[in-house]
Amino acid sequence: MGGKIKTWKKRWFVFDRNRRTLAYYADKHEAKMKGVIYFQAIEEVYYDHLKNAHKSPNPSLTFSVKTHDRVYYMVAPSPEAMRIWMDVIVTGAEGYIHFLV
């Protein structure tokens, strides 16, 4: 879901463990970056079926990534993809925290 205009848009996400970022683009050609989520900003990754998922095009595949500044609402293409993305994002964010300690 968009940050300023609350409409659902297709985005292409790239997880970069070396840069410790989750960048997102308008298309799979990765021509223009739309934004980036830094691992150190991630506070929580969760499945929110009660609060905001009802606004989603597919509520059962909607999950949230909470950062210091914003909550990103995302819809996965399948249950397996949702589990994998949530695990990867949580692992990356936790890995960053362990790296700092």
Protein backbone atom coordinates (compact mmCIF):
# COMPACT_ATOMS: atom_id res chain seq x y z
CA MET A 1 0.00 0.00 0.00
CA GLY A 2 1.30 3.43 -0.88
CA GLY A 3 2.68 5.69 1.83
CA LYS A 4 1.00 8.99 1.01
CA ILE A 5 -1.82 7.85 -1.25
CA LYS A 6 -3.35 4.76 0.36
CA THR A 7 -3.88 2.65 -2.75
CA TRP A 8 -2.45 -0.76 -3.55
CA LYS A 9 0.37 -0.84 -6.10
CA LYS A 10 2.51 -3.68 -7.43
CA ARG A 11 6.14 -3.38 -6.30
CA TRP A 12 9.32 -5.40 -6.89
CA PHE A 13 11.31 -5.94 -3.67
CA VAL A 14 15.03 -6.65 -3.45
CA PHE A 15 16.49 -7.94 -0.19
CA ASP A 16 20.17 -6.96 0.13
CA ARG A 17 21.90 -8.56 3.09
CA ASN A 18 25.21 -6.77 2.36
CA ARG A 19 23.67 -3.30 2.31
CA ARG A 20 21.19 -4.33 5.03
CA THR A 21 18.27 -2.95 3.02
CA LEU A 22 14.97 -3.94 1.49
CA ALA A 23 14.66 -1.77 -1.62
CA TYR A 24 11.52 -1.56 -3.72
CA TYR A 25 10.93 -0.64 -7.33
CA ALA A 26 7.98 0.05 -9.64
CA ASP A 27 8.90 -2.92 -11.87
CA LYS A 28 11.14 -5.96 -12.09
CA HIS A 29 13.67 -4.13 -14.27
CA GLU A 30 14.68 -2.19 -11.16
CA ALA A 31 15.07 0.97 -13.22
CA LYS A 32 13.80 3.46 -10.64
CA MET A 33 13.92 2.83 -6.91
CA LYS A 34 10.69 3.89 -5.21
CA GLY A 35 12.03 3.53 -1.69
CA VAL A 36 14.18 1.61 0.74
CA ILE A 37 13.66 0.07 4.16
CA TYR A 38 16.80 -0.12 6.29
CA PHE A 39 17.15 -3.17 8.54
CA GLN A 40 17.99 -1.00 11.55
CA ALA A 41 14.63 0.80 11.15
CA ILE A 42 12.55 -2.40 11.24
CA GLU A 43 10.81 -2.85 14.57
CA GLU A 44 8.36 -5.63 13.77
CA VAL A 45 7.11 -7.92 10.99
CA TYR A 46 3.65 -9.32 11.57
CA TYR A 47 0.49 -10.78 10.10
CA ASP A 48 -2.28 -8.29 10.84
CA HIS A 49 -5.56 -9.93 9.83
CA LEU A 50 -7.69 -7.82 12.18
CA LYS A 51 -6.59 -4.21 11.84
CA ASN A 52 -5.76 -3.25 8.25
CA ALA A 53 -5.87 -6.43 6.19
CA HIS A 54 -9.56 -5.96 5.44
CA LYS A 55 -8.55 -3.09 3.11
CA SER A 56 -6.24 -5.41 1.20
CA PRO A 57 -6.97 -7.00 -2.18
CA ASN A 58 -6.10 -10.33 -0.51
CA PRO A 59 -6.44 -10.11 3.32
CA SER A 60 -5.18 -13.63 4.04
CA LEU A 61 -1.86 -12.85 2.29
CA THR A 62 -1.32 -9.41 3.82
CA PHE A 63 1.47 -8.72 6.29
CA SER A 64 3.04 -5.61 7.80
CA VAL A 65 6.58 -4.35 8.24
CA LYS A 66 6.74 -1.73 10.99
CA THR A 67 9.61 0.76 11.01
CA HIS A 68 10.36 3.82 13.13
CA ASP A 69 8.55 6.07 10.62
CA ARG A 70 5.92 3.98 8.87
CA VAL A 71 4.05 0.70 8.64
CA TYR A 72 4.41 -0.96 5.22
CA TYR A 73 1.45 -3.13 4.25
CA MET A 74 2.37 -5.87 1.78
CA VAL A 75 0.49 -8.61 -0.04
CA ALA A 76 2.32 -11.78 -1.06
CA PRO A 77 1.38 -13.80 -4.15
CA SER A 78 0.94 -17.02 -2.12
CA PRO A 79 0.93 -18.31 1.49
CA GLU A 80 4.40 -19.81 0.93
CA ALA A 81 5.77 -16.53 -0.42
CA MET A 82 4.31 -14.65 2.56
CA ARG A 83 6.00 -16.99 5.05
CA ILE A 84 9.32 -16.80 3.19
CA TRP A 85 9.28 -12.99 2.91
CA MET A 86 8.30 -12.55 6.56
CA ASP A 87 11.05 -14.96 7.68
CA VAL A 88 13.68 -13.35 5.47
CA ILE A 89 12.81 -9.81 6.61
CA VAL A 90 12.76 -10.81 10.30
CA THR A 91 16.05 -12.73 9.91
CA GLY A 92 17.68 -9.81 8.12
CA ALA A 93 16.55 -7.30 10.72
CA GLU A 94 17.57 -9.56 13.61
CA GLY A 95 20.87 -10.29 11.88
CA TYR A 96 21.53 -6.56 11.80
CA ILE A 97 20.84 -6.27 15.52
CA HIS A 98 23.13 -9.24 16.32
CA PHE A 99 25.79 -7.72 14.08
CA LEU A 100 25.73 -4.53 16.17
CA VAL A 101 26.10 -6.31 19.52
